[in-house]
Full PDB file with SEQRES, HELIX, SHEET, SSBOND, CRYST1, ORIGX, SCALE, CONECT and MASTER records, all heavy atoms in Angstrom:
SEQRES   1 A   41  VAL LYS GLY ARG PHE THR ILE SER ARG ASP ASN ALA LYS          
SEQRES   2 A   41  LYS THR VAL TYR LEU GLN MET ASN SER LEU LYS PRO GLU          
SEQRES   3 A   41  ASP THR ALA VAL TYR TYR CYS ALA ALA GLY LEU THR VAL          
SEQRES   4 A   41  HIS THR                                                      
HELIX    1 AA1 ASN A   11  LYS A   13  5                                   3    
HELIX    2 AA2 PRO A   25  ASP A   27  5                                   3    
SHEET    1 AA1 2 PHE A   5  ASP A  10  0                                        
SHEET    2 AA1 2 THR A  15  MET A  20 -1                                        
CRYST1    1.000    1.000    1.000  90.00  90.00  90.00 P 1           1          
ORIGX1      1.000000  0.000000  0.000000        0.00000                         
ORIGX2      0.000000  1.000000  0.000000        0.00000                         
ORIGX3      0.000000  0.000000  1.000000        0.00000                         
SCALE1      1.000000  0.000000  0.000000        0.00000                         
SCALE2      0.000000  1.000000  0.000000        0.00000                         
SCALE3      0.000000  0.000000  1.000000        0.00000                         
ATOM      1  N   VAL A   1      -8.843  -0.915  23.081  1.00  0.00           N  
ATOM      2  CA  VAL A   1      -7.571  -1.607  23.244  1.00  0.00           C  
ATOM      3  C   VAL A   1      -6.382  -0.783  22.784  1.00  0.00           C  
ATOM      4  O   VAL A   1      -5.233  -1.185  23.016  1.00  0.00           O  
ATOM      5  CB  VAL A   1      -7.563  -2.963  22.509  1.00  0.00           C  
ATOM      6  CG1 VAL A   1      -8.749  -3.809  22.933  1.00  0.00           C  
ATOM      7  CG2 VAL A   1      -7.564  -2.764  20.995  1.00  0.00           C  
ATOM      8  N   LYS A   2      -6.620   0.338  22.160  1.00  0.00           N  
ATOM      9  CA  LYS A   2      -5.535   1.142  21.621  1.00  0.00           C  
ATOM     10  C   LYS A   2      -4.588   1.580  22.733  1.00  0.00           C  
ATOM     11  O   LYS A   2      -5.015   2.048  23.782  1.00  0.00           O  
ATOM     12  CB  LYS A   2      -6.089   2.361  20.886  1.00  0.00           C  
ATOM     13  CG  LYS A   2      -5.070   3.047  19.996  1.00  0.00           C  
ATOM     14  CD  LYS A   2      -5.742   4.053  19.069  1.00  0.00           C  
ATOM     15  CE  LYS A   2      -4.766   4.623  18.069  1.00  0.00           C  
ATOM     16  NZ  LYS A   2      -5.438   5.530  17.103  1.00  0.00           N  
ATOM     17  N   GLY A   3      -3.302   1.413  22.484  1.00  0.00           N  
ATOM     18  CA  GLY A   3      -2.291   1.725  23.477  1.00  0.00           C  
ATOM     19  C   GLY A   3      -1.925   0.561  24.367  1.00  0.00           C  
ATOM     20  O   GLY A   3      -0.908   0.624  25.069  1.00  0.00           O  
ATOM     21  N   ARG A   4      -2.740  -0.485  24.358  1.00  0.00           N  
ATOM     22  CA  ARG A   4      -2.465  -1.667  25.173  1.00  0.00           C  
ATOM     23  C   ARG A   4      -2.162  -2.902  24.330  1.00  0.00           C  
ATOM     24  O   ARG A   4      -1.356  -3.742  24.727  1.00  0.00           O  
ATOM     25  CB  ARG A   4      -3.657  -1.975  26.087  1.00  0.00           C  
ATOM     26  CG  ARG A   4      -3.984  -0.847  27.060  1.00  0.00           C  
ATOM     27  CD  ARG A   4      -5.046  -1.279  28.066  1.00  0.00           C  
ATOM     28  NE  ARG A   4      -6.315  -1.600  27.413  1.00  0.00           N  
ATOM     29  CZ  ARG A   4      -6.917  -2.780  27.487  1.00  0.00           C  
ATOM     30  NH1 ARG A   4      -6.376  -3.769  28.196  1.00  0.00           N  
ATOM     31  NH2 ARG A   4      -8.074  -2.974  26.875  1.00  0.00           N  
ATOM     32  N   PHE A   5      -2.816  -3.016  23.185  1.00  0.00           N  
ATOM     33  CA  PHE A   5      -2.638  -4.174  22.313  1.00  0.00           C  
ATOM     34  C   PHE A   5      -1.833  -3.767  21.086  1.00  0.00           C  
ATOM     35  O   PHE A   5      -1.941  -2.640  20.593  1.00  0.00           O  
ATOM     36  CB  PHE A   5      -3.985  -4.719  21.844  1.00  0.00           C  
ATOM     37  CG  PHE A   5      -4.830  -5.356  22.901  1.00  0.00           C  
ATOM     38  CD1 PHE A   5      -4.520  -5.268  24.250  1.00  0.00           C  
ATOM     39  CD2 PHE A   5      -5.970  -6.064  22.535  1.00  0.00           C  
ATOM     40  CE1 PHE A   5      -5.309  -5.853  25.220  1.00  0.00           C  
ATOM     41  CE2 PHE A   5      -6.774  -6.659  23.495  1.00  0.00           C  
ATOM     42  CZ  PHE A   5      -6.446  -6.556  24.832  1.00  0.00           C  
ATOM     43  N   THR A   6      -1.049  -4.703  20.571  1.00  0.00           N  
ATOM     44  CA  THR A   6      -0.276  -4.478  19.360  1.00  0.00           C  
ATOM     45  C   THR A   6      -0.435  -5.676  18.434  1.00  0.00           C  
ATOM     46  O   THR A   6      -0.182  -6.808  18.836  1.00  0.00           O  
ATOM     47  CB  THR A   6       1.216  -4.268  19.662  1.00  0.00           C  
ATOM     48  OG1 THR A   6       1.375  -3.160  20.557  1.00  0.00           O  
ATOM     49  CG2 THR A   6       1.977  -3.977  18.374  1.00  0.00           C  
ATOM     50  N   ILE A   7      -0.843  -5.414  17.208  1.00  0.00           N  
ATOM     51  CA  ILE A   7      -0.960  -6.467  16.215  1.00  0.00           C  
ATOM     52  C   ILE A   7       0.284  -6.466  15.335  1.00  0.00           C  
ATOM     53  O   ILE A   7       0.834  -5.412  15.013  1.00  0.00           O  
ATOM     54  CB  ILE A   7      -2.238  -6.306  15.370  1.00  0.00           C  
ATOM     55  CG1 ILE A   7      -2.465  -7.533  14.481  1.00  0.00           C  
ATOM     56  CG2 ILE A   7      -2.216  -5.023  14.554  1.00  0.00           C  
ATOM     57  CD1 ILE A   7      -3.827  -7.559  13.807  1.00  0.00           C  
ATOM     58  N   SER A   8       0.727  -7.647  14.961  1.00  0.00           N  
ATOM     59  CA  SER A   8       1.865  -7.784  14.066  1.00  0.00           C  
ATOM     60  C   SER A   8       1.689  -9.052  13.244  1.00  0.00           C  
ATOM     61  O   SER A   8       0.814  -9.875  13.530  1.00  0.00           O  
ATOM     62  CB  SER A   8       3.187  -7.809  14.845  1.00  0.00           C  
ATOM     63  OG  SER A   8       3.229  -8.907  15.735  1.00  0.00           O  
ATOM     64  N   ARG A   9       2.510  -9.194  12.231  1.00  0.00           N  
ATOM     65  CA  ARG A   9       2.408 -10.388  11.400  1.00  0.00           C  
ATOM     66  C   ARG A   9       3.774 -10.776  10.865  1.00  0.00           C  
ATOM     67  O   ARG A   9       4.656  -9.933  10.672  1.00  0.00           O  
ATOM     68  CB  ARG A   9       1.413 -10.188  10.251  1.00  0.00           C  
ATOM     69  CG  ARG A   9       1.794  -9.086   9.272  1.00  0.00           C  
ATOM     70  CD  ARG A   9       0.641  -8.779   8.329  1.00  0.00           C  
ATOM     71  NE  ARG A   9       0.346  -9.888   7.435  1.00  0.00           N  
ATOM     72  CZ  ARG A   9      -0.763 -10.004   6.710  1.00  0.00           C  
ATOM     73  NH1 ARG A   9      -1.710  -9.061   6.797  1.00  0.00           N  
ATOM     74  NH2 ARG A   9      -0.942 -11.047   5.911  1.00  0.00           N  
ATOM     75  N   ASP A  10       3.931 -12.054  10.628  1.00  0.00           N  
ATOM     76  CA  ASP A  10       5.127 -12.611  10.029  1.00  0.00           C  
ATOM     77  C   ASP A  10       4.660 -13.442   8.847  1.00  0.00           C  
ATOM     78  O   ASP A  10       4.223 -14.581   9.008  1.00  0.00           O  
ATOM     79  CB  ASP A  10       5.902 -13.460  11.034  1.00  0.00           C  
ATOM     80  CG  ASP A  10       7.239 -13.936  10.494  1.00  0.00           C  
ATOM     81  OD1 ASP A  10       7.387 -14.076   9.270  1.00  0.00           O  
ATOM     82  OD2 ASP A  10       8.151 -14.168  11.314  1.00  0.00           O  
ATOM     83  N   ASN A  11       4.723 -12.861   7.673  1.00  0.00           N  
ATOM     84  CA  ASN A  11       4.187 -13.538   6.499  1.00  0.00           C  
ATOM     85  C   ASN A  11       4.968 -14.802   6.161  1.00  0.00           C  
ATOM     86  O   ASN A  11       4.395 -15.766   5.658  1.00  0.00           O  
ATOM     87  CB  ASN A  11       4.168 -12.583   5.304  1.00  0.00           C  
ATOM     88  CG  ASN A  11       3.160 -11.471   5.472  1.00  0.00           C  
ATOM     89  OD1 ASN A  11       2.145 -11.631   6.150  1.00  0.00           O  
ATOM     90  ND2 ASN A  11       3.433 -10.327   4.850  1.00  0.00           N  
ATOM     91  N   ALA A  12       6.263 -14.798   6.413  1.00  0.00           N  
ATOM     92  CA  ALA A  12       7.064 -15.984   6.148  1.00  0.00           C  
ATOM     93  C   ALA A  12       6.612 -17.155   7.004  1.00  0.00           C  
ATOM     94  O   ALA A  12       6.674 -18.309   6.574  1.00  0.00           O  
ATOM     95  CB  ALA A  12       8.541 -15.697   6.375  1.00  0.00           C  
ATOM     96  N   LYS A  13       6.170 -16.872   8.219  1.00  0.00           N  
ATOM     97  CA  LYS A  13       5.674 -17.905   9.117  1.00  0.00           C  
ATOM     98  C   LYS A  13       4.169 -18.104   9.009  1.00  0.00           C  
ATOM     99  O   LYS A  13       3.614 -18.950   9.714  1.00  0.00           O  
ATOM    100  CB  LYS A  13       6.046 -17.577  10.561  1.00  0.00           C  
ATOM    101  CG  LYS A  13       7.537 -17.566  10.826  1.00  0.00           C  
ATOM    102  CD  LYS A  13       7.826 -17.270  12.293  1.00  0.00           C  
ATOM    103  CE  LYS A  13       9.317 -17.308  12.573  1.00  0.00           C  
ATOM    104  NZ  LYS A  13       9.613 -17.016  14.001  1.00  0.00           N  
ATOM    105  N   LYS A  14       3.518 -17.323   8.161  1.00  0.00           N  
ATOM    106  CA  LYS A  14       2.065 -17.393   7.978  1.00  0.00           C  
ATOM    107  C   LYS A  14       1.342 -17.242   9.311  1.00  0.00           C  
ATOM    108  O   LYS A  14       0.398 -17.975   9.624  1.00  0.00           O  
ATOM    109  CB  LYS A  14       1.670 -18.703   7.290  1.00  0.00           C  
ATOM    110  CG  LYS A  14       2.247 -18.863   5.900  1.00  0.00           C  
ATOM    111  CD  LYS A  14       1.770 -20.160   5.256  1.00  0.00           C  
ATOM    112  CE  LYS A  14       2.316 -20.300   3.848  1.00  0.00           C  
ATOM    113  NZ  LYS A  14       1.839 -21.551   3.203  1.00  0.00           N  
ATOM    114  N   THR A  15       1.783 -16.282  10.081  1.00  0.00           N  
ATOM    115  CA  THR A  15       1.281 -16.106  11.436  1.00  0.00           C  
ATOM    116  C   THR A  15       1.025 -14.635  11.725  1.00  0.00           C  
ATOM    117  O   THR A  15       1.804 -13.772  11.320  1.00  0.00           O  
ATOM    118  CB  THR A  15       2.273 -16.672  12.464  1.00  0.00           C  
ATOM    119  OG1 THR A  15       2.508 -18.062  12.186  1.00  0.00           O  
ATOM    120  CG2 THR A  15       1.730 -16.547  13.876  1.00  0.00           C  
ATOM    121  N   VAL A  16      -0.061 -14.371  12.423  1.00  0.00           N  
ATOM    122  CA  VAL A  16      -0.364 -13.041  12.923  1.00  0.00           C  
ATOM    123  C   VAL A  16      -0.433 -13.109  14.440  1.00  0.00           C  
ATOM    124  O   VAL A  16      -0.859 -14.128  15.008  1.00  0.00           O  
ATOM    125  CB  VAL A  16      -1.669 -12.492  12.307  1.00  0.00           C  
ATOM    126  CG1 VAL A  16      -2.863 -13.368  12.671  1.00  0.00           C  
ATOM    127  CG2 VAL A  16      -1.906 -11.052  12.738  1.00  0.00           C  
ATOM    128  N   TYR A  17      -0.016 -12.040  15.097  1.00  0.00           N  
ATOM    129  CA  TYR A  17       0.075 -12.014  16.540  1.00  0.00           C  
ATOM    130  C   TYR A  17      -0.744 -10.869  17.112  1.00  0.00           C  
ATOM    131  O   TYR A  17      -0.974  -9.854  16.461  1.00  0.00           O  
ATOM    132  CB  TYR A  17       1.530 -11.832  16.988  1.00  0.00           C  
ATOM    133  CG  TYR A  17       2.480 -12.850  16.418  1.00  0.00           C  
ATOM    134  CD1 TYR A  17       3.203 -12.578  15.268  1.00  0.00           C  
ATOM    135  CD2 TYR A  17       2.659 -14.082  17.034  1.00  0.00           C  
ATOM    136  CE1 TYR A  17       4.084 -13.508  14.739  1.00  0.00           C  
ATOM    137  CE2 TYR A  17       3.538 -15.017  16.518  1.00  0.00           C  
ATOM    138  CZ  TYR A  17       4.246 -14.728  15.373  1.00  0.00           C  
ATOM    139  OH  TYR A  17       5.123 -15.663  14.858  1.00  0.00           O  
ATOM    140  N   LEU A  18      -1.150 -11.040  18.347  1.00  0.00           N  
ATOM    141  CA  LEU A  18      -1.765  -9.961  19.098  1.00  0.00           C  
ATOM    142  C   LEU A  18      -1.123  -9.930  20.477  1.00  0.00           C  
ATOM    143  O   LEU A  18      -1.381 -10.808  21.306  1.00  0.00           O  
ATOM    144  CB  LEU A  18      -3.276 -10.140  19.219  1.00  0.00           C  
ATOM    145  CG  LEU A  18      -4.023  -8.983  19.882  1.00  0.00           C  
ATOM    146  CD1 LEU A  18      -3.975  -7.740  18.988  1.00  0.00           C  
ATOM    147  CD2 LEU A  18      -5.468  -9.360  20.188  1.00  0.00           C  
ATOM    148  N   GLN A  19      -0.267  -8.949  20.701  1.00  0.00           N  
ATOM    149  CA  GLN A  19       0.342  -8.750  22.003  1.00  0.00           C  
ATOM    150  C   GLN A  19      -0.602  -7.923  22.852  1.00  0.00           C  
ATOM    151  O   GLN A  19      -0.953  -6.801  22.482  1.00  0.00           O  
ATOM    152  CB  GLN A  19       1.690  -8.045  21.864  1.00  0.00           C  
ATOM    153  CG  GLN A  19       2.384  -7.762  23.189  1.00  0.00           C  
ATOM    154  CD  GLN A  19       2.817  -9.019  23.903  1.00  0.00           C  
ATOM    155  OE1 GLN A  19       3.368  -9.921  23.284  1.00  0.00           O  
ATOM    156  NE2 GLN A  19       2.558  -9.093  25.197  1.00  0.00           N  
ATOM    157  N   MET A  20      -1.010  -8.452  23.987  1.00  0.00           N  
ATOM    158  CA  MET A  20      -1.984  -7.813  24.852  1.00  0.00           C  
ATOM    159  C   MET A  20      -1.313  -7.491  26.179  1.00  0.00           C  
ATOM    160  O   MET A  20      -0.928  -8.394  26.927  1.00  0.00           O  
ATOM    161  CB  MET A  20      -3.196  -8.718  25.067  1.00  0.00           C  
ATOM    162  CG  MET A  20      -3.853  -9.170  23.770  1.00  0.00           C  
ATOM    163  SD  MET A  20      -5.377 -10.111  24.042  1.00  0.00           S  
ATOM    164  CE  MET A  20      -4.699 -11.546  24.883  1.00  0.00           C  
ATOM    165  N   ASN A  21      -1.181  -6.215  26.463  1.00  0.00           N  
ATOM    166  CA  ASN A  21      -0.583  -5.741  27.702  1.00  0.00           C  
ATOM    167  C   ASN A  21      -1.621  -5.007  28.540  1.00  0.00           C  
ATOM    168  O   ASN A  21      -2.665  -4.590  28.040  1.00  0.00           O  
ATOM    169  CB  ASN A  21       0.597  -4.812  27.408  1.00  0.00           C  
ATOM    170  CG  ASN A  21       1.720  -5.483  26.667  1.00  0.00           C  
ATOM    171  OD1 ASN A  21       1.981  -6.671  26.854  1.00  0.00           O  
ATOM    172  ND2 ASN A  21       2.408  -4.719  25.818  1.00  0.00           N  
ATOM    173  N   SER A  22      -1.312  -4.835  29.807  1.00  0.00           N  
ATOM    174  CA  SER A  22      -2.193  -4.109  30.729  1.00  0.00           C  
ATOM    175  C   SER A  22      -3.622  -4.617  30.646  1.00  0.00           C  
ATOM    176  O   SER A  22      -4.582  -3.848  30.541  1.00  0.00           O  
ATOM    177  CB  SER A  22      -2.137  -2.608  30.437  1.00  0.00           C  
ATOM    178  OG  SER A  22      -0.823  -2.110  30.567  1.00  0.00           O  
ATOM    179  N   LEU A  23      -3.771  -5.915  30.709  1.00  0.00           N  
ATOM    180  CA  LEU A  23      -5.079  -6.528  30.537  1.00  0.00           C  
ATOM    181  C   LEU A  23      -6.025  -6.152  31.668  1.00  0.00           C  
ATOM    182  O   LEU A  23      -5.617  -6.003  32.823  1.00  0.00           O  
ATOM    183  CB  LEU A  23      -4.941  -8.040  30.440  1.00  0.00           C  
ATOM    184  CG  LEU A  23      -4.432  -8.529  29.079  1.00  0.00           C  
ATOM    185  CD1 LEU A  23      -3.908  -9.948  29.185  1.00  0.00           C  
ATOM    186  CD2 LEU A  23      -5.541  -8.451  28.036  1.00  0.00           C  
ATOM    187  N   LYS A  24      -7.290  -6.014  31.296  1.00  0.00           N  
ATOM    188  CA  LYS A  24      -8.354  -5.643  32.214  1.00  0.00           C  
ATOM    189  C   LYS A  24      -9.410  -6.741  32.243  1.00  0.00           C  
ATOM    190  O   LYS A  24      -9.555  -7.488  31.278  1.00  0.00           O  
ATOM    191  CB  LYS A  24      -9.008  -4.329  31.771  1.00  0.00           C  
ATOM    192  CG  LYS A  24      -8.050  -3.167  31.599  1.00  0.00           C  
ATOM    193  CD  LYS A  24      -8.773  -1.958  31.026  1.00  0.00           C  
ATOM    194  CE  LYS A  24      -7.836  -0.789  30.836  1.00  0.00           C  
ATOM    195  NZ  LYS A  24      -8.540   0.380  30.254  1.00  0.00           N  
ATOM    196  N   PRO A  25     -10.180  -6.830  33.328  1.00  0.00           N  
ATOM    197  CA  PRO A  25     -11.240  -7.844  33.358  1.00  0.00           C  
ATOM    198  C   PRO A  25     -12.201  -7.741  32.177  1.00  0.00           C  
ATOM    199  O   PRO A  25     -12.691  -8.774  31.704  1.00  0.00           O  
ATOM    200  CB  PRO A  25     -11.948  -7.556  34.688  1.00  0.00           C  
ATOM    201  CG  PRO A  25     -10.876  -6.997  35.555  1.00  0.00           C  
ATOM    202  CD  PRO A  25     -10.024  -6.159  34.627  1.00  0.00           C  
ATOM    203  N   GLU A  26     -12.458  -6.546  31.695  1.00  0.00           N  
ATOM    204  CA  GLU A  26     -13.355  -6.386  30.559  1.00  0.00           C  
ATOM    205  C   GLU A  26     -12.770  -6.900  29.242  1.00  0.00           C  
ATOM    206  O   GLU A  26     -13.471  -6.956  28.234  1.00  0.00           O  
ATOM    207  CB  GLU A  26     -13.788  -4.925  30.396  1.00  0.00           C  
ATOM    208  CG  GLU A  26     -12.637  -3.941  30.386  1.00  0.00           C  
ATOM    209  CD  GLU A  26     -12.397  -3.287  31.740  1.00  0.00           C  
ATOM    210  OE1 GLU A  26     -12.387  -4.017  32.751  1.00  0.00           O  
ATOM    211  OE2 GLU A  26     -12.229  -2.053  31.785  1.00  0.00           O  
ATOM    212  N   ASP A  27     -11.502  -7.281  29.244  1.00  0.00           N  
ATOM    213  CA  ASP A  27     -10.908  -7.926  28.082  1.00  0.00           C  
ATOM    214  C   ASP A  27     -11.250  -9.407  28.006  1.00  0.00           C  
ATOM    215  O   ASP A  27     -10.923 -10.061  27.011  1.00  0.00           O  
ATOM    216  CB  ASP A  27      -9.385  -7.769  28.089  1.00  0.00           C  
ATOM    217  CG  ASP A  27      -8.937  -6.327  27.940  1.00  0.00           C  
ATOM    218  OD1 ASP A  27      -9.541  -5.590  27.130  1.00  0.00           O  
ATOM    219  OD2 ASP A  27      -7.975  -5.937  28.625  1.00  0.00           O  
ATOM    220  N   THR A  28     -11.873  -9.939  29.039  1.00  0.00           N  
ATOM    221  CA  THR A  28     -12.261 -11.341  29.043  1.00  0.00           C  
ATOM    222  C   THR A  28     -13.211 -11.622  27.884  1.00  0.00           C  
ATOM    223  O   THR A  28     -14.255 -10.988  27.753  1.00  0.00           O  
ATOM    224  CB  THR A  28     -12.924 -11.713  30.369  1.00  0.00           C  
ATOM    225  OG1 THR A  28     -11.969 -11.577  31.427  1.00  0.00           O  
ATOM    226  CG2 THR A  28     -13.436 -13.145  30.342  1.00  0.00           C  
ATOM    227  N   ALA A  29     -12.835 -12.567  27.049  1.00  0.00           N  
ATOM    228  CA  ALA A  29     -13.609 -12.861  25.850  1.00  0.00           C  
ATOM    229  C   ALA A  29     -12.983 -14.043  25.131  1.00  0.00           C  
ATOM    230  O   ALA A  29     -11.871 -14.472  25.449  1.00  0.00           O  
ATOM    231  CB  ALA A  29     -13.651 -11.646  24.913  1.00  0.00           C  
ATOM    232  N   VAL A  30     -13.699 -14.538  24.146  1.00  0.00           N  
ATOM    233  CA  VAL A  30     -13.119 -15.439  23.170  1.00  0.00           C  
ATOM    234  C   VAL A  30     -12.570 -14.585  22.037  1.00  0.00           C  
ATOM    235  O   VAL A  30     -13.284 -13.743  21.480  1.00  0.00           O  
ATOM    236  CB  VAL A  30     -14.143 -16.455  22.638  1.00  0.00           C  
ATOM    237  CG1 VAL A  30     -13.515 -17.336  21.568  1.00  0.00           C  
ATOM    238  CG2 VAL A  30     -14.679 -17.310  23.780  1.00  0.00           C  
ATOM    239  N   TYR A  31     -11.320 -14.796  21.701  1.00  0.00           N  
ATOM    240  CA  TYR A  31     -10.649 -14.014  20.669  1.00  0.00           C  
ATOM    241  C   TYR A  31     -10.544 -14.831  19.391  1.00  0.00           C  
ATOM    242  O   TYR A  31     -10.090 -15.974  19.404  1.00  0.00           O  
ATOM    243  CB  TYR A  31      -9.258 -13.588  21.149  1.00  0.00           C  
ATOM    244  CG  TYR A  31      -9.312 -12.453  22.142  1.00  0.00           C  
ATOM    245  CD1 TYR A  31      -9.772 -12.668  23.433  1.00  0.00           C  
ATOM    246  CD2 TYR A  31      -8.926 -11.165  21.782  1.00  0.00           C  
ATOM    247  CE1 TYR A  31      -9.854 -11.629  24.342  1.00  0.00           C  
ATOM    248  CE2 TYR A  31      -8.993 -10.122  22.687  1.00  0.00           C  
ATOM    249  CZ  TYR A  31      -9.454 -10.357  23.963  1.00  0.00           C  
ATOM    250  OH  TYR A  31      -9.521  -9.317  24.862  1.00  0.00           O  
ATOM    251  N   TYR A  32     -10.955 -14.220  18.291  1.00  0.00           N  
ATOM    252  CA  TYR A  32     -11.011 -14.881  17.002  1.00  0.00           C  
ATOM    253  C   TYR A  32     -10.056 -14.234  16.012  1.00  0.00           C  
ATOM    254  O   TYR A  32     -10.074 -13.008  15.838  1.00  0.00           O  
ATOM    255  CB  TYR A  32     -12.426 -14.808  16.413  1.00  0.00           C  
ATOM    256  CG  TYR A  32     -13.488 -15.456  17.254  1.00  0.00           C  
ATOM    257  CD1 TYR A  32     -14.164 -14.737  18.228  1.00  0.00           C  
ATOM    258  CD2 TYR A  32     -13.829 -16.793  17.065  1.00  0.00           C  
ATOM    259  CE1 TYR A  32     -15.148 -15.324  18.998  1.00  0.00           C  
ATOM    260  CE2 TYR A  32     -14.806 -17.388  17.826  1.00  0.00           C  
ATOM    261  CZ  TYR A  32     -15.463 -16.649  18.794  1.00  0.00           C  
ATOM    262  OH  TYR A  32     -16.441 -17.238  19.549  1.00  0.00           O  
ATOM    263  N   CYS A  33      -9.267 -15.040  15.372  1.00  0.00           N  
ATOM    264  CA  CYS A  33      -8.452 -14.588  14.261  1.00  0.00           C  
ATOM    265  C   CYS A  33      -9.325 -14.456  13.016  1.00  0.00           C  
ATOM    266  O   CYS A  33     -10.275 -15.217  12.826  1.00  0.00           O  
ATOM    267  CB  CYS A  33      -7.321 -15.583  14.017  1.00  0.00           C  
ATOM    268  SG  CYS A  33      -6.164 -15.119  12.717  1.00  0.00           S  
ATOM    269  N   ALA A  34      -9.002 -13.497  12.159  1.00  0.00           N  
ATOM    270  CA  ALA A  34      -9.788 -13.260  10.959  1.00  0.00           C  
ATOM    271  C   ALA A  34      -8.879 -12.880   9.800  1.00  0.00           C  
ATOM    272  O   ALA A  34      -7.859 -12.221   9.988  1.00  0.00           O  
ATOM    273  CB  ALA A  34     -10.807 -12.147  11.205  1.00  0.00           C  
ATOM    274  N   ALA A  35      -9.283 -13.279   8.612  1.00  0.00           N  
ATOM    275  CA  ALA A  35      -8.562 -12.947   7.388  1.00  0.00           C  
ATOM    276  C   ALA A  35      -9.530 -12.355   6.380  1.00  0.00           C  
ATOM    277  O   ALA A  35     -10.630 -12.876   6.193  1.00  0.00           O  
ATOM    278  CB  ALA A  35      -7.887 -14.187   6.799  1.00  0.00           C  
ATOM    279  N   GLY A  36      -9.120 -11.285   5.725  1.00  0.00           N  
ATOM    280  CA  GLY A  36      -9.951 -10.648   4.724  1.00  0.00           C  
ATOM    281  C   GLY A  36     -10.902  -9.620   5.298  1.00  0.00           C  
ATOM    282  O   GLY A  36     -12.061  -9.547   4.882  1.00  0.00           O  
ATOM    283  N   LEU A  37     -10.429  -8.832   6.240  1.00  0.00           N  
ATOM    284  CA  LEU A  37     -11.188  -7.735   6.817  1.00  0.00           C  
ATOM    285  C   LEU A  37     -10.551  -6.419   6.394  1.00  0.00           C  
ATOM    286  O   LEU A  37      -9.617  -6.396   5.593  1.00  0.00           O  
ATOM    287  CB  LEU A  37     -11.268  -7.853   8.338  1.00  0.00           C  
ATOM    288  CG  LEU A  37      -9.973  -7.777   9.150  1.00  0.00           C  
ATOM    289  CD1 LEU A  37     -10.309  -7.551  10.623  1.00  0.00           C  
ATOM    290  CD2 LEU A  37      -9.111  -9.021   8.995  1.00  0.00           C  
ATOM    291  N   THR A  38     -11.070  -5.322   6.928  1.00  0.00           N  
ATOM    292  CA  THR A  38     -10.560  -4.011   6.548  1.00  0.00           C  
ATOM    293  C   THR A  38      -9.901  -3.335   7.739  1.00  0.00           C  
ATOM    294  O   THR A  38     -10.306  -3.525   8.889  1.00  0.00           O  
ATOM    295  CB  THR A  38     -11.679  -3.119   5.988  1.00  0.00           C  
ATOM    296  OG1 THR A  38     -11.136  -1.839   5.651  1.00  0.00           O  
ATOM    297  CG2 THR A  38     -12.804  -2.924   6.997  1.00  0.00           C  
ATOM    298  N   VAL A  39      -8.892  -2.540   7.463  1.00  0.00           N  
ATOM    299  CA  VAL A  39      -8.246  -1.728   8.490  1.00  0.00           C  
ATOM    300  C   VAL A  39      -8.909  -0.369   8.637  1.00  0.00           C  
ATOM    301  O   VAL A  39      -8.564   0.376   9.555  1.00  0.00           O  
ATOM    302  CB  VAL A  39      -6.749  -1.510   8.197  1.00  0.00           C  
ATOM    303  CG1 VAL A  39      -6.006  -2.834   8.165  1.00  0.00           C  
ATOM    304  CG2 VAL A  39      -6.555  -0.753   6.887  1.00  0.00           C  
ATOM    305  N   HIS A  40      -9.847  -0.041   7.760  1.00  0.00           N  
ATOM    306  CA  HIS A  40     -10.349   1.323   7.681  1.00  0.00           C  
ATOM    307  C   HIS A  40     -11.543   1.608   8.575  1.00  0.00           C  
ATOM    308  O   HIS A  40     -11.784   2.771   8.910  1.00  0.00           O  
ATOM    309  CB  HIS A  40     -10.694   1.669   6.239  1.00  0.00           C  
ATOM    310  CG  HIS A  40      -9.534   1.552   5.303  1.00  0.00           C  
ATOM    311  ND1 HIS A  40      -8.385   2.298   5.467  1.00  0.00           N  
ATOM    312  CD2 HIS A  40      -9.333   0.772   4.216  1.00  0.00           C  
ATOM    313  CE1 HIS A  40      -7.529   1.988   4.509  1.00  0.00           C  
ATOM    314  NE2 HIS A  40      -8.082   1.065   3.735  1.00  0.00           N  
ATOM    315  N   THR A  41     -12.293   0.584   8.950  1.00  0.00           N  
ATOM    316  CA  THR A  41     -13.485   0.770   9.762  1.00  0.00           C  
ATOM    317  C   THR A  41     -13.620  -0.364  10.763  1.00  0.00           C  
ATOM    318  O   THR A  41     -12.842  -1.322  10.750  1.00  0.00           O  
ATOM    319  CB  THR A  41     -14.768   0.812   8.909  1.00  0.00           C  
ATOM    320  OG1 THR A  41     -15.062  -0.504   8.412  1.00  0.00           O  
ATOM    321  CG2 THR A  41     -14.624   1.774   7.745  1.00  0.00           C  
TER     322      THR A  41                                                      
MASTER        0    0    0    2    2    0    0    6  321    1    0    4          
END                                                                             
């Protein structure tokens, strides 16, 4: 998804976003929000 999706967050609104551009059929899925994961792996 790199180069097509952008993650952002607004802590004041307690909200995280995922902007998905240039979507492909293989992006079809159930998308789950998660808290307490790592950015490193």
